[in-house]
Amino acid sequence: MPVPGVRKTVQSRMLIYVQEIGWKVVTRAESETRRGFASGDASSENRARNATPYFA
């Protein structure tokens, strides 16, 4: 029997919990836009280089 991964055991449950307490789950694209990722580069590491870790 396969062992459940982190997504199944932790992330999915956390997403349910945060929605129950009133947080809004945002898409990756929206998150990157709100954090100020650079556009056009194929690498997410390069796009995030000068981005803030917080939403603007």
C-alpha atoms as a PDB file:
ATOM      1  CA  MET A   1       0.000   0.000   0.000  1.00  0.00           C
ATOM      2  CA  PRO A   2       1.467   3.416  -0.946  1.00  0.00           C
ATOM      3  CA  VAL A   3       2.341   5.844   1.816  1.00  0.00           C
ATOM      4  CA  PRO A   4       0.332   9.112   1.653  1.00  0.00           C
ATOM      5  CA  GLY A   5       2.392  12.152   0.738  1.00  0.00           C
ATOM      6  CA  VAL A   6       2.575  15.556   2.408  1.00  0.00           C
ATOM      7  CA  ARG A   7      -0.161  16.962   0.157  1.00  0.00           C
ATOM      8  CA  LYS A   8      -2.666  14.356   1.319  1.00  0.00           C
ATOM      9  CA  THR A   9      -1.731  14.249   4.997  1.00  0.00           C
ATOM     10  CA  VAL A  10      -1.000  17.914   5.732  1.00  0.00           C
ATOM     11  CA  GLN A  11      -1.713  20.428   2.992  1.00  0.00           C
ATOM     12  CA  SER A  12      -5.235  19.337   2.138  1.00  0.00           C
ATOM     13  CA  ARG A  13      -6.298  19.393   5.787  1.00  0.00           C
ATOM     14  CA  MET A  14      -4.668  22.785   6.349  1.00  0.00           C
ATOM     15  CA  LEU A  15      -6.501  24.267   3.357  1.00  0.00           C
ATOM     16  CA  ILE A  16      -9.819  23.053   4.757  1.00  0.00           C
ATOM     17  CA  TYR A  17      -9.015  24.438   8.206  1.00  0.00           C
ATOM     18  CA  VAL A  18      -7.918  27.886   7.037  1.00  0.00           C
ATOM     19  CA  GLN A  19     -11.088  28.261   4.963  1.00  0.00           C
ATOM     20  CA  GLU A  20     -13.165  27.305   8.006  1.00  0.00           C
ATOM     21  CA  ILE A  21     -11.576  30.114  10.051  1.00  0.00           C
ATOM     22  CA  GLY A  22     -12.219  32.670   7.307  1.00  0.00           C
ATOM     23  CA  TRP A  23      -8.963  32.827   5.360  1.00  0.00           C
ATOM     24  CA  LYS A  24      -9.095  33.008   1.576  1.00  0.00           C
ATOM     25  CA  VAL A  25      -7.055  30.493  -0.377  1.00  0.00           C
ATOM     26  CA  VAL A  26      -5.501  32.199  -3.421  1.00  0.00           C
ATOM     27  CA  THR A  27      -4.124  30.670  -6.584  1.00  0.00           C
ATOM     28  CA  ARG A  28      -0.398  30.484  -7.195  1.00  0.00           C
ATOM     29  CA  ALA A  29      -0.740  33.040  -9.998  1.00  0.00           C
ATOM     30  CA  GLU A  30      -2.569  35.505  -7.740  1.00  0.00           C
ATOM     31  CA  SER A  31      -0.023  34.966  -4.987  1.00  0.00           C
ATOM     32  CA  GLU A  32       2.878  35.659  -7.336  1.00  0.00           C
ATOM     33  CA  THR A  33       1.187  38.800  -8.652  1.00  0.00           C
ATOM     34  CA  ARG A  34       0.451  40.125  -5.161  1.00  0.00           C
ATOM     35  CA  ARG A  35       4.025  39.428  -4.040  1.00  0.00           C
ATOM     36  CA  GLY A  36       5.513  41.242  -7.039  1.00  0.00           C
ATOM     37  CA  PHE A  37       7.138  38.399  -8.944  1.00  0.00           C
ATOM     38  CA  ALA A  38       8.883  39.474 -12.149  1.00  0.00           C
ATOM     39  CA  SER A  39       7.160  38.370 -15.333  1.00  0.00           C
ATOM     40  CA  GLY A  40       8.589  36.611 -18.342  1.00  0.00           C
ATOM     41  CA  ASP A  41      11.261  34.391 -16.790  1.00  0.00           C
ATOM     42  CA  ALA A  42      10.676  30.657 -17.013  1.00  0.00           C
ATOM     43  CA  SER A  43      12.234  29.961 -13.611  1.00  0.00           C
ATOM     44  CA  SER A  44      10.077  30.719 -10.561  1.00  0.00           C
ATOM     45  CA  GLU A  45      13.307  31.121  -8.573  1.00  0.00           C
ATOM     46  CA  ASN A  46      14.426  33.964 -10.850  1.00  0.00           C
ATOM     47  CA  ARG A  47      10.963  35.578 -10.873  1.00  0.00           C
ATOM     48  CA  ALA A  48      10.925  35.555  -7.061  1.00  0.00           C
ATOM     49  CA  ARG A  49      14.431  36.955  -6.650  1.00  0.00           C
ATOM     50  CA  ASN A  50      13.293  40.512  -5.816  1.00  0.00           C
ATOM     51  CA  ALA A  51       9.764  39.714  -4.660  1.00  0.00           C
ATOM     52  CA  THR A  52       8.480  40.253  -1.154  1.00  0.00           C
ATOM     53  CA  PRO A  53       7.499  37.267   0.996  1.00  0.00           C
ATOM     54  CA  TYR A  54       4.332  39.172   1.947  1.00  0.00           C
ATOM     55  CA  PHE A  55       1.223  40.163   0.004  1.00  0.00           C
ATOM     56  CA  ALA A  56       1.007  43.789  -1.047  1.00  0.00           C
END
